[in-house]
Amino acid sequence: MLPDLTTLTLLLPEIVLILSATALFVGGAFRPRAAALAILGHGAYLAGLLLLLGVEWGRWESLVEQGATVSGPLSLDYLGQLLRSLTLVIGLLLSLVMSRTSPDELKTEHAGTLMLTIAGLMFVARANELVLMFVGLELISIPTYALLFMGRRDRSTGEATAKYFFLSLLSSGLLLYGLSFLYGMAGTTTLIGSGSELGIREVVASLRAAATTAAAEASVPSTPNLWMLAPLAVILVSAGLCFKLAAVPFHFYAPDVYQGATAGNAALLAVLPKAAGVLAFTRLIVAIFPAYATAWQMAVIVSILTMTLGNICALWQKHVRRLLGYSSIAHSGYLLIGLSVALVADNDALRAEGLAATLFYLAAYAFASIGGFAALTYLAESGKPVDHVEQLAGCGRSHPLAAGVLAVSMFSFAGIPVFAGFWGKFALFASTLEMATGATYGPLSGWFATLAIVGALNAAIGAAYYLRVVGAMFFQSAPVVSGSPASDGSAATATGSTSTLSAMVACGVLVVGMGVVPVIGFRGAGFAGKSVAATAAVPAVTPAVTPAVTPAVSSAATSLGSSP
């Protein structure tokens, strides 16, 4: 284990963001509209990115060769480095989109609060300890409440904020209860151990081996086997993370909150909690409970229900942000496809393939979501606020750039070739088909063959409402209203802000670039997948290793029964 001072140096980008947020809060109290503070808000993300890509570049190369190591509560692997970099890019893009839409008197508070959410996601990306994981997730949720409330001062925004607040509290309670079972099973809060220090992964593997041995010998263990708590831990942790992902059955808040939020806040909700959910699911479930039937079966069922419900409900939506809210639910189902493969795979190669497909799809979805909501923000700044699909009619002529970027996002969501979303779906379905056709998986083939078929059908359903949005922009004429500018946009001179335009164009270029040259994205995602796959391999432990059991935990285990 590395010294504490070295551990702190590994958090330099996060420290830069937190110090910058503090400076914005304090400086904004005296000069809320100072231009220097706005520059600081954008520059902090660039500074953190330079630290990751510059100062820590040698660490990137070593992680490719050596795999994961541990430094205190931090996991040093390629997944953490890659997702921290992606998070900083996302933070910069969101900062550009939201810089003009926040209230003038709260601009610095808005920018600082957004920085804290980005720092929270970066903590989750590297967390190797339950407390740090939970603190990182809450550092995303709590500032999000404030951002939602600061977006607009109307009744719909207040209602959306209240819904998200109370349901987020429920999900945090479920997650914390599940984490308490993990701690009760292992007697430690460390996820992956190092050296002679055992982590939750090693102790859980030992408990599982002991339960399997006792079942094979038809014997009753002399002490309660805490492996009986595993189903409760998996279900409760997964339930808490399903809220972050907006996955069934914890999806119902998303459409209402998206509809009541501003386009910038909707972009934040679409990306940051979902990325946190994928990362936490990878660290807490995939790495600790590999090939565990309760975990992968639940992931497959939730994936099918989530993408089906999201796509079918989106077909009937006329409100743009509500439509994209149901779309985000459907994309959570796609993300769970790759996680399901990673959970059940019995070899590192296929496990890494499922994780790499998930990470690539997450990046493609993030850039397409931010680009789409940035286009809606740009249209609102240009004097054409968009709430319903019909209001997009004629945008292809009056605002061709914004309409083009929004179309690129819709095409990527639909999985149309030469866009990033196509390769993401292709990789997810390919890993599922490999699982379904593998000779070694036997009865599991039916599960994943069904998953692949349902996923393909949902991709076709999704294309229907995505293309409806594109059709409204380019194949419908804007209604002519007496005294209004011409529907062809010839009299419209208002344009959106430069910051929103920059974020919108950058996202469009990234979505197209990842589609034209996908090998770059898959290379990084592949390295990250391999680093987690090696960690998720069941460690070689002896069944004799058991954690210290408190009387209360022992009593709880006894009450659940004596059979594994």
Protein backbone atom coordinates (compact mmCIF):
# COMPACT_ATOMS: atom_id res chain seq x y z
CA MET A 1 0.00 0.00 0.00
CA LEU A 2 1.34 3.41 -0.91
CA PRO A 3 1.94 6.15 1.71
CA ASP A 4 -0.91 8.53 2.51
CA LEU A 5 0.89 11.51 0.97
CA THR A 6 1.23 9.60 -2.29
CA THR A 7 -2.44 8.75 -2.12
CA LEU A 8 -3.29 12.44 -1.87
CA THR A 9 -1.20 13.21 -4.94
CA LEU A 10 -3.34 10.72 -6.85
CA LEU A 11 -6.32 13.01 -6.21
CA LEU A 12 -4.80 16.21 -7.60
CA PRO A 13 -7.47 16.71 -10.32
CA GLU A 14 -10.26 16.28 -7.77
CA ILE A 15 -8.50 18.65 -5.36
CA VAL A 16 -8.22 21.25 -8.14
CA LEU A 17 -11.96 21.03 -8.80
CA ILE A 18 -12.92 21.28 -5.12
CA LEU A 19 -10.60 24.25 -4.51
CA SER A 20 -11.91 25.96 -7.65
CA ALA A 21 -15.50 25.39 -6.51
CA THR A 22 -14.64 26.88 -3.13
CA ALA A 23 -13.07 29.91 -4.83
CA LEU A 24 -16.21 30.36 -6.93
CA PHE A 25 -18.47 30.20 -3.88
CA VAL A 26 -16.37 32.70 -1.92
CA GLY A 27 -15.55 34.99 -4.84
CA GLY A 28 -19.10 34.98 -6.09
CA ALA A 29 -20.30 36.36 -2.77
CA PHE A 30 -18.39 39.57 -3.50
CA ARG A 31 -18.34 39.75 -7.31
CA PRO A 32 -21.01 37.39 -8.69
CA ARG A 33 -20.62 38.57 -12.30
CA ALA A 34 -16.82 38.82 -12.52
CA ALA A 35 -15.47 37.55 -15.86
CA ALA A 36 -12.41 36.06 -14.15
CA LEU A 37 -14.61 33.73 -12.12
CA ALA A 38 -16.28 32.45 -15.29
CA ILE A 39 -12.85 31.75 -16.80
CA LEU A 40 -11.87 29.92 -13.60
CA GLY A 41 -14.97 27.78 -13.93
CA HIS A 42 -13.96 26.50 -17.37
CA GLY A 43 -10.23 26.47 -16.69
CA ALA A 44 -10.48 24.12 -13.71
CA TYR A 45 -11.65 21.29 -15.96
CA LEU A 46 -8.79 21.92 -18.39
CA ALA A 47 -6.29 22.02 -15.53
CA GLY A 48 -7.57 18.70 -14.17
CA LEU A 49 -7.42 17.16 -17.63
CA LEU A 50 -3.83 18.35 -18.11
CA LEU A 51 -2.87 16.77 -14.78
CA LEU A 52 -4.38 13.46 -15.85
CA LEU A 53 -2.95 13.41 -19.37
CA GLY A 54 0.33 15.12 -18.53
CA VAL A 55 1.59 14.54 -15.01
CA GLU A 56 0.00 11.09 -14.70
CA TRP A 57 0.80 9.87 -18.22
CA GLY A 58 3.45 7.44 -16.95
CA ARG A 59 0.89 5.95 -14.63
CA TRP A 60 -1.43 5.31 -17.59
CA GLU A 61 1.21 3.20 -19.34
CA SER A 62 2.03 1.23 -16.20
CA LEU A 63 -1.65 0.45 -15.63
CA VAL A 64 -1.90 -1.14 -19.09
CA GLU A 65 0.96 -3.48 -18.26
CA GLN A 66 0.46 -4.15 -14.53
CA GLY A 67 -3.30 -4.09 -14.08
CA ALA A 68 -4.96 -2.77 -10.94
CA THR A 69 -3.15 -1.79 -7.76
CA VAL A 70 -4.45 -0.28 -4.53
CA SER A 71 -3.51 2.88 -2.65
CA GLY A 72 -5.57 3.19 0.52
CA PRO A 73 -9.21 3.78 -0.46
CA LEU A 74 -8.32 4.22 -4.15
CA SER A 75 -8.23 1.62 -6.91
CA LEU A 76 -5.49 2.43 -9.42
CA ASP A 77 -6.56 0.86 -12.68
CA TYR A 78 -7.16 1.88 -16.28
CA LEU A 79 -10.92 2.08 -15.72
CA GLY A 80 -10.48 4.80 -13.11
CA GLN A 81 -8.06 6.81 -15.23
CA LEU A 82 -10.20 6.57 -18.36
CA LEU A 83 -13.47 7.49 -16.64
CA ARG A 84 -11.86 10.37 -14.75
CA SER A 85 -10.69 11.83 -18.07
CA LEU A 86 -14.10 11.30 -19.64
CA THR A 87 -15.74 12.91 -16.61
CA LEU A 88 -13.61 16.05 -16.93
CA VAL A 89 -14.51 16.36 -20.62
CA ILE A 90 -18.19 15.93 -19.75
CA GLY A 91 -17.83 18.52 -16.99
CA LEU A 92 -16.35 21.07 -19.39
CA LEU A 93 -19.12 20.47 -21.94
CA LEU A 94 -21.86 20.78 -19.32
CA SER A 95 -20.23 23.92 -17.96
CA LEU A 96 -20.31 25.49 -21.41
CA VAL A 97 -23.95 24.51 -21.96
CA MET A 98 -25.17 25.73 -18.57
CA SER A 99 -23.07 28.89 -18.24
CA ARG A 100 -25.63 31.12 -19.98
CA THR A 101 -28.81 29.49 -18.71
CA SER A 102 -28.06 29.87 -14.99
CA PRO A 103 -29.51 32.95 -13.23
CA ASP A 104 -27.17 35.96 -13.34
CA GLU A 105 -27.07 36.37 -9.56
CA LEU A 106 -26.24 32.66 -9.06
CA LYS A 107 -23.74 31.99 -11.86
CA THR A 108 -20.76 31.35 -9.58
CA GLU A 109 -22.78 29.14 -7.23
CA HIS A 110 -24.13 27.26 -10.25
CA ALA A 111 -20.63 26.68 -11.69
CA GLY A 112 -19.17 25.66 -8.32
CA THR A 113 -22.00 23.25 -7.60
CA LEU A 114 -21.53 21.61 -10.99
CA MET A 115 -17.83 21.15 -10.19
CA LEU A 116 -18.70 19.28 -7.01
CA THR A 117 -20.85 16.81 -8.96
CA ILE A 118 -17.97 16.21 -11.36
CA ALA A 119 -15.58 15.66 -8.45
CA GLY A 120 -18.07 13.19 -6.96
CA LEU A 121 -18.17 11.15 -10.17
CA MET A 122 -14.36 11.12 -10.25
CA PHE A 123 -14.31 9.74 -6.69
CA VAL A 124 -16.73 6.98 -7.70
CA ALA A 125 -14.50 6.10 -10.68
CA ARG A 126 -11.62 5.22 -8.34
CA ALA A 127 -13.36 4.17 -5.14
CA ASN A 128 -12.02 1.01 -3.52
CA GLU A 129 -13.80 1.55 -0.24
CA LEU A 130 -17.48 1.58 0.70
CA VAL A 131 -17.43 4.91 2.51
CA LEU A 132 -15.63 6.69 -0.34
CA MET A 133 -18.01 5.10 -2.84
CA PHE A 134 -21.07 6.30 -0.92
CA VAL A 135 -19.61 9.78 -0.35
CA GLY A 136 -18.86 10.07 -4.07
CA LEU A 137 -22.41 9.06 -5.01
CA GLU A 138 -23.88 11.56 -2.54
CA LEU A 139 -21.53 14.26 -3.83
CA ILE A 140 -23.29 13.76 -7.16
CA SER A 141 -26.84 13.65 -5.77
CA ILE A 142 -26.84 16.49 -3.23
CA PRO A 143 -25.46 19.24 -5.53
CA THR A 144 -27.86 18.04 -8.22
CA TYR A 145 -30.79 19.03 -6.00
CA ALA A 146 -29.45 22.59 -5.88
CA LEU A 147 -28.76 22.67 -9.63
CA LEU A 148 -32.30 21.56 -10.42
CA PHE A 149 -33.77 24.21 -8.15
CA MET A 150 -31.55 26.96 -9.58
CA GLY A 151 -32.49 26.11 -13.15
CA ARG A 152 -35.82 27.90 -13.25
CA ARG A 153 -38.11 29.56 -10.73
CA ASP A 154 -41.47 28.07 -11.64
CA ARG A 155 -43.84 25.47 -10.31
CA SER A 156 -42.81 22.66 -12.69
CA THR A 157 -39.14 23.02 -11.73
CA GLY A 158 -39.97 22.98 -8.04
CA GLU A 159 -42.08 19.85 -8.52
CA ALA A 160 -39.30 18.13 -10.50
CA THR A 161 -36.75 19.00 -7.81
CA ALA A 162 -38.98 17.67 -5.02
CA LYS A 163 -39.61 14.39 -6.83
CA TYR A 164 -35.94 13.84 -7.50
CA PHE A 165 -35.00 14.79 -3.93
CA PHE A 166 -37.36 12.42 -2.12
CA LEU A 167 -36.82 9.48 -4.47
CA SER A 168 -33.07 9.98 -4.33
CA LEU A 169 -33.24 9.78 -0.54
CA LEU A 170 -35.08 6.46 -0.86
CA SER A 171 -32.46 5.08 -3.25
CA SER A 172 -29.63 6.22 -0.98
CA GLY A 173 -31.27 4.43 1.93
CA LEU A 174 -31.57 1.20 -0.06
CA LEU A 175 -27.98 1.45 -1.23
CA LEU A 176 -26.66 2.16 2.25
CA TYR A 177 -28.62 -0.78 3.65
CA GLY A 178 -27.11 -3.02 0.97
CA LEU A 179 -23.60 -1.74 1.72
CA SER A 180 -24.16 -2.58 5.39
CA PHE A 181 -24.74 -6.22 4.39
CA LEU A 182 -21.47 -6.21 2.43
CA TYR A 183 -19.68 -4.90 5.50
CA GLY A 184 -21.43 -7.42 7.72
CA MET A 185 -20.34 -10.27 5.44
CA ALA A 186 -16.71 -9.21 5.13
CA GLY A 187 -15.93 -7.23 8.29
CA THR A 188 -14.12 -4.61 6.18
CA THR A 189 -15.06 -1.66 4.01
CA THR A 190 -12.24 -2.25 1.48
CA LEU A 191 -13.51 -3.64 -1.82
CA ILE A 192 -10.35 -5.24 -3.23
CA GLY A 193 -7.62 -6.29 -0.83
CA SER A 194 -3.88 -5.90 -1.30
CA GLY A 195 -1.12 -8.14 -0.02
CA SER A 196 -2.11 -9.83 3.24
CA GLU A 197 -5.03 -7.47 3.79
CA LEU A 198 -8.26 -9.08 2.65
CA GLY A 199 -11.00 -7.06 0.99
CA ILE A 200 -14.70 -7.73 0.49
CA ARG A 201 -14.01 -9.54 -2.78
CA GLU A 202 -11.64 -12.04 -1.15
CA VAL A 203 -13.81 -12.67 1.91
CA VAL A 204 -16.98 -13.08 -0.18
CA ALA A 205 -15.17 -15.61 -2.40
CA SER A 206 -14.10 -17.49 0.72
CA LEU A 207 -17.64 -17.53 2.14
CA ARG A 208 -18.96 -18.70 -1.21
CA ALA A 209 -16.43 -21.54 -1.34
CA ALA A 210 -17.30 -22.61 2.19
CA ALA A 211 -21.03 -22.62 1.39
CA THR A 212 -20.44 -24.64 -1.78
CA THR A 213 -18.31 -27.17 0.10
CA ALA A 214 -20.89 -27.56 2.85
CA ALA A 215 -23.66 -28.04 0.29
CA ALA A 216 -21.64 -30.66 -1.60
CA GLU A 217 -20.93 -32.59 1.61
CA ALA A 218 -24.52 -32.12 2.86
CA SER A 219 -23.11 -30.95 6.15
CA VAL A 220 -24.25 -28.22 8.51
CA PRO A 221 -21.49 -25.70 9.27
CA SER A 222 -20.63 -25.20 12.92
CA THR A 223 -20.99 -21.41 12.57
CA PRO A 224 -23.51 -19.48 10.46
CA ASN A 225 -22.18 -18.92 6.95
CA LEU A 226 -22.59 -15.27 6.08
CA TRP A 227 -22.85 -16.16 2.38
CA MET A 228 -26.60 -16.37 3.07
CA LEU A 229 -26.60 -12.54 3.19
CA ALA A 230 -25.33 -12.31 -0.40
CA PRO A 231 -28.79 -12.22 -2.09
CA LEU A 232 -29.91 -9.39 0.18
CA ALA A 233 -26.70 -7.44 -0.47
CA VAL A 234 -26.94 -7.85 -4.26
CA ILE A 235 -30.65 -6.96 -4.43
CA LEU A 236 -30.42 -3.89 -2.19
CA VAL A 237 -27.26 -2.52 -3.80
CA SER A 238 -28.69 -3.11 -7.27
CA ALA A 239 -31.97 -1.42 -6.28
CA GLY A 240 -30.11 1.67 -5.10
CA LEU A 241 -28.07 1.81 -8.29
CA CYS A 242 -31.11 1.25 -10.52
CA PHE A 243 -32.32 4.67 -9.41
CA LYS A 244 -29.06 6.21 -10.62
CA LEU A 245 -29.46 4.40 -13.92
CA ALA A 246 -33.20 5.21 -14.17
CA ALA A 247 -33.80 1.48 -14.67
CA VAL A 248 -37.03 -0.43 -14.01
CA PRO A 249 -38.61 -0.45 -11.45
CA PHE A 250 -36.96 2.79 -10.24
CA HIS A 251 -37.42 4.67 -13.49
CA PHE A 252 -40.70 6.49 -12.92
CA TYR A 253 -39.18 9.78 -11.77
CA ALA A 254 -37.18 10.39 -14.96
CA PRO A 255 -39.84 11.62 -17.45
CA ASP A 256 -41.42 14.06 -14.98
CA VAL A 257 -38.07 15.44 -13.79
CA TYR A 258 -36.73 15.83 -17.34
CA GLN A 259 -39.89 17.66 -18.36
CA GLY A 260 -39.69 20.09 -15.44
CA ALA A 261 -35.93 20.71 -15.69
CA THR A 262 -34.09 23.02 -18.05
CA ALA A 263 -32.34 21.45 -21.05
CA GLY A 264 -28.94 21.89 -19.37
CA ASN A 265 -30.06 20.22 -16.15
CA ALA A 266 -31.71 17.44 -18.16
CA ALA A 267 -28.35 16.83 -19.84
CA LEU A 268 -26.72 16.55 -16.41
CA LEU A 269 -29.38 14.09 -15.22
CA ALA A 270 -29.03 12.04 -18.39
CA VAL A 271 -25.27 11.59 -18.04
CA LEU A 272 -23.76 11.96 -14.55
CA PRO A 273 -26.03 9.69 -12.44
CA LYS A 274 -26.04 7.08 -15.21
CA ALA A 275 -22.23 7.05 -15.43
CA ALA A 276 -22.06 6.80 -11.63
CA GLY A 277 -24.48 3.88 -11.66
CA VAL A 278 -22.43 1.98 -14.26
CA LEU A 279 -19.18 2.58 -12.34
CA ALA A 280 -20.64 1.64 -8.97
CA PHE A 281 -22.30 -1.47 -10.43
CA THR A 282 -18.95 -2.50 -11.90
CA ARG A 283 -17.06 -1.99 -8.62
CA LEU A 284 -19.70 -3.38 -6.24
CA ILE A 285 -21.37 -6.20 -8.22
CA VAL A 286 -19.26 -7.26 -11.22
CA ALA A 287 -15.95 -7.33 -9.34
CA ILE A 288 -17.32 -8.88 -6.13
CA PHE A 289 -20.03 -11.29 -7.32
CA PRO A 290 -18.77 -12.76 -10.63
CA ALA A 291 -20.88 -15.58 -12.09
CA TYR A 292 -23.40 -15.28 -9.26
CA ALA A 293 -26.81 -16.39 -10.53
CA THR A 294 -28.86 -13.89 -8.51
CA ALA A 295 -26.79 -10.99 -9.88
CA TRP A 296 -26.71 -11.82 -13.59
CA GLN A 297 -30.29 -13.12 -13.80
CA MET A 298 -31.57 -9.94 -12.19
CA ALA A 299 -29.44 -7.82 -14.55
CA VAL A 300 -30.81 -9.62 -17.62
CA ILE A 301 -34.44 -9.28 -16.51
CA VAL A 302 -34.06 -5.61 -15.57
CA SER A 303 -32.29 -4.92 -18.88
CA ILE A 304 -35.16 -6.42 -20.91
CA LEU A 305 -37.86 -4.62 -18.94
CA THR A 306 -36.02 -1.29 -18.92
CA MET A 307 -35.29 -0.97 -22.63
CA THR A 308 -38.74 -2.26 -23.61
CA LEU A 309 -40.69 0.04 -21.32
CA GLY A 310 -38.52 3.07 -22.15
CA ASN A 311 -38.85 2.67 -25.90
CA ILE A 312 -42.55 1.84 -25.97
CA CYS A 313 -43.50 4.75 -23.71
CA ALA A 314 -41.32 7.15 -25.73
CA LEU A 315 -43.34 6.35 -28.87
CA TRP A 316 -46.33 8.32 -27.56
CA GLN A 317 -44.49 11.37 -26.24
CA LYS A 318 -44.89 14.81 -27.77
CA HIS A 319 -42.85 16.77 -25.21
CA VAL A 320 -39.19 16.74 -26.29
CA ARG A 321 -37.55 16.50 -22.86
CA ARG A 322 -40.10 13.94 -21.67
CA LEU A 323 -39.39 11.89 -24.81
CA LEU A 324 -35.67 12.05 -24.07
CA GLY A 325 -36.41 11.08 -20.47
CA TYR A 326 -37.98 7.81 -21.63
CA SER A 327 -35.11 7.47 -24.10
CA SER A 328 -32.64 7.64 -21.21
CA ILE A 329 -34.51 4.80 -19.51
CA ALA A 330 -34.17 2.69 -22.66
CA HIS A 331 -30.43 3.38 -22.88
CA SER A 332 -30.01 2.17 -19.30
CA GLY A 333 -31.38 -1.16 -20.51
CA TYR A 334 -28.75 -1.28 -23.26
CA LEU A 335 -25.98 -0.52 -20.76
CA LEU A 336 -27.14 -3.41 -18.59
CA ILE A 337 -26.65 -5.79 -21.54
CA GLY A 338 -22.87 -5.46 -21.34
CA LEU A 339 -22.88 -5.63 -17.54
CA SER A 340 -24.95 -8.85 -17.72
CA VAL A 341 -22.34 -10.41 -20.01
CA ALA A 342 -19.53 -9.33 -17.70
CA LEU A 343 -21.33 -10.83 -14.71
CA VAL A 344 -21.83 -14.30 -16.16
CA ALA A 345 -18.72 -14.74 -18.36
CA ASP A 346 -16.34 -17.44 -17.16
CA ASN A 347 -13.22 -16.07 -18.88
CA ASP A 348 -11.42 -12.74 -18.79
CA ALA A 349 -11.68 -12.15 -22.56
CA LEU A 350 -15.48 -12.25 -22.74
CA ARG A 351 -15.85 -10.40 -19.44
CA ALA A 352 -13.59 -7.66 -20.76
CA GLU A 353 -15.55 -7.57 -24.03
CA GLY A 354 -18.83 -6.96 -22.21
CA LEU A 355 -17.33 -4.22 -20.05
CA ALA A 356 -15.60 -2.56 -23.02
CA ALA A 357 -18.88 -2.49 -24.96
CA THR A 358 -20.64 -0.91 -21.96
CA LEU A 359 -17.97 1.78 -21.54
CA PHE A 360 -17.92 2.64 -25.25
CA TYR A 361 -21.70 2.88 -25.32
CA LEU A 362 -21.66 5.03 -22.18
CA ALA A 363 -19.28 7.51 -23.83
CA ALA A 364 -21.29 7.57 -27.05
CA TYR A 365 -24.52 8.10 -25.13
CA ALA A 366 -22.98 10.86 -22.99
CA PHE A 367 -21.74 12.91 -25.94
CA ALA A 368 -24.96 12.42 -27.91
CA SER A 369 -27.09 13.43 -24.90
CA ILE A 370 -25.09 16.56 -24.14
CA GLY A 371 -25.08 17.48 -27.85
CA GLY A 372 -28.84 17.04 -28.14
CA PHE A 373 -29.66 19.07 -25.04
CA ALA A 374 -27.08 21.69 -26.05
CA ALA A 375 -28.91 22.06 -29.37
CA LEU A 376 -32.20 22.57 -27.51
CA THR A 377 -30.51 25.15 -25.28
CA TYR A 378 -29.08 26.93 -28.34
CA LEU A 379 -32.50 27.07 -29.95
CA ALA A 380 -33.97 28.57 -26.77
CA GLU A 381 -31.22 31.19 -26.65
CA SER A 382 -31.93 31.98 -30.31
CA GLY A 383 -35.50 32.94 -29.49
CA LYS A 384 -37.06 29.56 -30.37
CA PRO A 385 -37.69 27.71 -27.10
CA VAL A 386 -38.61 24.09 -27.76
CA ASP A 387 -40.89 22.08 -25.50
CA HIS A 388 -42.80 19.94 -28.00
CA VAL A 389 -41.71 18.03 -31.07
CA GLU A 390 -44.00 20.14 -33.28
CA GLN A 391 -42.02 23.24 -32.29
CA LEU A 392 -38.98 21.77 -34.05
CA ALA A 393 -40.75 22.07 -37.41
CA GLY A 394 -38.67 24.12 -39.83
CA CYS A 395 -35.53 24.20 -37.65
CA GLY A 396 -33.57 22.54 -40.43
CA ARG A 397 -33.94 25.77 -42.44
CA SER A 398 -34.01 28.43 -39.72
CA HIS A 399 -31.26 26.94 -37.49
CA PRO A 400 -29.39 24.39 -39.63
CA LEU A 401 -26.41 23.92 -37.31
CA ALA A 402 -28.48 23.23 -34.20
CA ALA A 403 -30.82 20.99 -36.18
CA GLY A 404 -27.85 19.14 -37.64
CA VAL A 405 -26.30 18.41 -34.25
CA LEU A 406 -29.66 17.35 -32.84
CA ALA A 407 -30.11 15.04 -35.83
CA VAL A 408 -26.65 13.56 -35.26
CA SER A 409 -27.62 12.83 -31.64
CA MET A 410 -30.88 11.19 -32.71
CA PHE A 411 -29.10 9.06 -35.33
CA SER A 412 -26.56 7.96 -32.72
CA PHE A 413 -29.31 7.07 -30.23
CA ALA A 414 -31.04 5.05 -32.96
CA GLY A 415 -27.85 3.15 -33.78
CA ILE A 416 -27.61 4.21 -37.41
CA PRO A 417 -24.21 3.41 -39.03
CA VAL A 418 -21.30 5.90 -39.13
CA PHE A 419 -22.41 7.30 -35.78
CA ALA A 420 -21.00 6.31 -32.38
CA GLY A 421 -24.22 4.72 -31.14
CA PHE A 422 -24.14 2.15 -33.94
CA TRP A 423 -20.79 0.74 -32.83
CA GLY A 424 -21.90 0.80 -29.21
CA LYS A 425 -24.99 -1.28 -29.95
CA PHE A 426 -23.02 -3.52 -32.29
CA ALA A 427 -20.47 -4.29 -29.56
CA LEU A 428 -23.18 -4.94 -26.96
CA PHE A 429 -25.16 -7.29 -29.22
CA ALA A 430 -21.96 -9.03 -30.40
CA SER A 431 -20.95 -9.87 -26.83
CA THR A 432 -24.48 -11.11 -26.09
CA LEU A 433 -24.54 -13.33 -29.19
CA GLU A 434 -21.12 -14.73 -28.29
CA MET A 435 -22.54 -15.68 -24.91
CA ALA A 436 -25.68 -17.15 -26.50
CA THR A 437 -23.77 -19.28 -29.03
CA GLY A 438 -20.93 -20.36 -26.74
CA ALA A 439 -20.73 -24.12 -26.34
CA THR A 440 -19.63 -23.88 -22.68
CA TYR A 441 -22.64 -21.95 -21.38
CA GLY A 442 -25.38 -24.51 -22.01
CA PRO A 443 -28.67 -23.43 -20.36
CA LEU A 444 -27.49 -19.83 -20.19
CA SER A 445 -27.67 -19.56 -23.98
CA GLY A 446 -31.44 -19.14 -23.92
CA TRP A 447 -31.21 -16.17 -21.55
CA PHE A 448 -28.76 -14.28 -23.74
CA ALA A 449 -30.36 -15.26 -27.03
CA THR A 450 -33.59 -13.72 -25.70
CA LEU A 451 -31.65 -10.66 -24.53
CA ALA A 452 -30.11 -10.19 -27.99
CA ILE A 453 -33.45 -10.56 -29.79
CA VAL A 454 -35.26 -8.16 -27.45
CA GLY A 455 -32.40 -5.67 -27.77
CA ALA A 456 -32.56 -5.73 -31.57
CA LEU A 457 -36.33 -5.28 -31.55
CA ASN A 458 -36.00 -2.35 -29.16
CA ALA A 459 -33.40 -0.72 -31.38
CA ALA A 460 -35.95 -0.81 -34.21
CA ILE A 461 -38.68 0.61 -31.98
CA GLY A 462 -36.40 3.40 -30.81
CA ALA A 463 -35.55 4.41 -34.36
CA ALA A 464 -39.22 5.26 -34.93
CA TYR A 465 -39.42 8.13 -32.45
CA TYR A 466 -35.85 9.35 -33.04
CA LEU A 467 -36.55 9.67 -36.77
CA ARG A 468 -39.83 11.43 -35.95
CA VAL A 469 -37.80 14.20 -34.31
CA VAL A 470 -35.49 14.43 -37.36
CA GLY A 471 -38.47 14.43 -39.71
CA ALA A 472 -40.07 17.33 -37.86
CA MET A 473 -36.93 19.44 -38.26
CA PHE A 474 -36.19 18.78 -41.92
CA PHE A 475 -39.45 17.64 -43.55
CA GLN A 476 -42.06 19.82 -41.89
CA SER A 477 -42.62 23.54 -42.38
CA ALA A 478 -42.90 25.86 -39.44
CA PRO A 479 -46.41 27.25 -38.98
CA VAL A 480 -46.75 30.81 -40.23
CA VAL A 481 -48.09 33.15 -37.55
CA SER A 482 -49.28 36.64 -38.40
CA GLY A 483 -46.59 39.17 -37.47
CA SER A 484 -43.89 36.56 -36.93
CA PRO A 485 -40.66 36.11 -38.90
CA ALA A 486 -40.82 34.03 -42.05
CA SER A 487 -40.84 30.32 -41.48
CA ASP A 488 -37.74 29.86 -43.62
CA GLY A 489 -35.71 31.77 -41.05
CA SER A 490 -34.73 34.60 -43.40
CA ALA A 491 -35.88 37.22 -40.91
CA ALA A 492 -34.48 35.47 -37.85
CA THR A 493 -31.23 37.08 -36.74
CA ALA A 494 -30.97 35.95 -33.10
CA THR A 495 -28.28 33.42 -32.32
CA GLY A 496 -27.33 31.45 -29.25
CA SER A 497 -24.30 31.99 -27.05
CA THR A 498 -20.79 31.08 -28.15
CA SER A 499 -20.30 28.74 -25.19
CA THR A 500 -23.40 26.71 -26.01
CA LEU A 501 -22.45 26.67 -29.68
CA SER A 502 -18.95 25.39 -28.81
CA ALA A 503 -20.29 22.56 -26.65
CA MET A 504 -22.90 21.64 -29.25
CA VAL A 505 -20.40 21.47 -32.12
CA ALA A 506 -17.82 19.60 -30.00
CA CYS A 507 -20.36 16.92 -29.10
CA GLY A 508 -21.43 16.56 -32.73
CA VAL A 509 -17.82 16.13 -33.83
CA LEU A 510 -17.14 13.57 -31.08
CA VAL A 511 -20.23 11.50 -31.96
CA VAL A 512 -19.32 11.46 -35.64
CA GLY A 513 -15.62 10.91 -34.91
CA MET A 514 -16.30 7.93 -32.65
CA GLY A 515 -18.48 6.50 -35.40
CA VAL A 516 -16.00 7.02 -38.23
CA VAL A 517 -12.92 5.92 -36.23
CA PRO A 518 -14.31 3.69 -33.48
CA VAL A 519 -11.03 1.87 -32.94
CA ILE A 520 -9.71 4.72 -30.78
CA GLY A 521 -12.64 4.51 -28.38
CA PHE A 522 -12.63 0.72 -28.33
CA ARG A 523 -8.90 0.65 -27.60
CA GLY A 524 -9.29 2.66 -24.39
CA ALA A 525 -12.48 0.84 -23.42
CA GLY A 526 -10.76 -2.49 -24.06
CA PHE A 527 -7.88 -1.64 -21.71
CA ALA A 528 -10.38 -0.57 -19.04
CA GLY A 529 -12.41 -3.74 -19.52
CA LYS A 530 -9.32 -5.93 -19.17
CA SER A 531 -8.30 -4.20 -15.95
CA VAL A 532 -11.69 -4.89 -14.37
CA ALA A 533 -11.94 -8.39 -15.85
CA ALA A 534 -8.72 -9.41 -14.15
CA THR A 535 -10.01 -7.98 -10.88
CA ALA A 536 -13.36 -9.75 -11.25
CA ALA A 537 -11.71 -13.14 -11.67
CA VAL A 538 -12.53 -15.24 -8.62
CA PRO A 539 -9.44 -15.05 -6.37
CA ALA A 540 -7.75 -18.17 -5.12
CA VAL A 541 -8.73 -18.28 -1.45
CA THR A 542 -9.24 -21.05 1.05
CA PRO A 543 -12.65 -21.71 2.53
CA ALA A 544 -11.14 -21.36 6.01
CA VAL A 545 -10.86 -17.58 5.67
CA THR A 546 -13.81 -15.98 7.47
CA PRO A 547 -14.32 -12.48 8.79
CA ALA A 548 -14.82 -11.52 12.38
CA VAL A 549 -18.53 -11.93 13.05
CA THR A 550 -20.31 -9.79 15.60
CA PRO A 551 -23.08 -11.44 17.65
CA ALA A 552 -25.72 -9.30 15.95
CA VAL A 553 -24.61 -10.32 12.48
CA SER A 554 -24.32 -13.95 13.54
CA SER A 555 -27.87 -13.85 14.89
CA ALA A 556 -29.14 -12.29 11.67
CA ALA A 557 -27.47 -14.97 9.60
CA THR A 558 -28.88 -17.73 11.79
CA SER A 559 -32.39 -16.37 11.36
CA LEU A 560 -32.09 -16.71 7.59
CA GLY A 561 -31.55 -20.43 7.81
CA SER A 562 -28.63 -22.83 7.88
CA SER A 563 -28.46 -23.83 4.21
CA PRO A 564 -26.51 -21.73 1.65
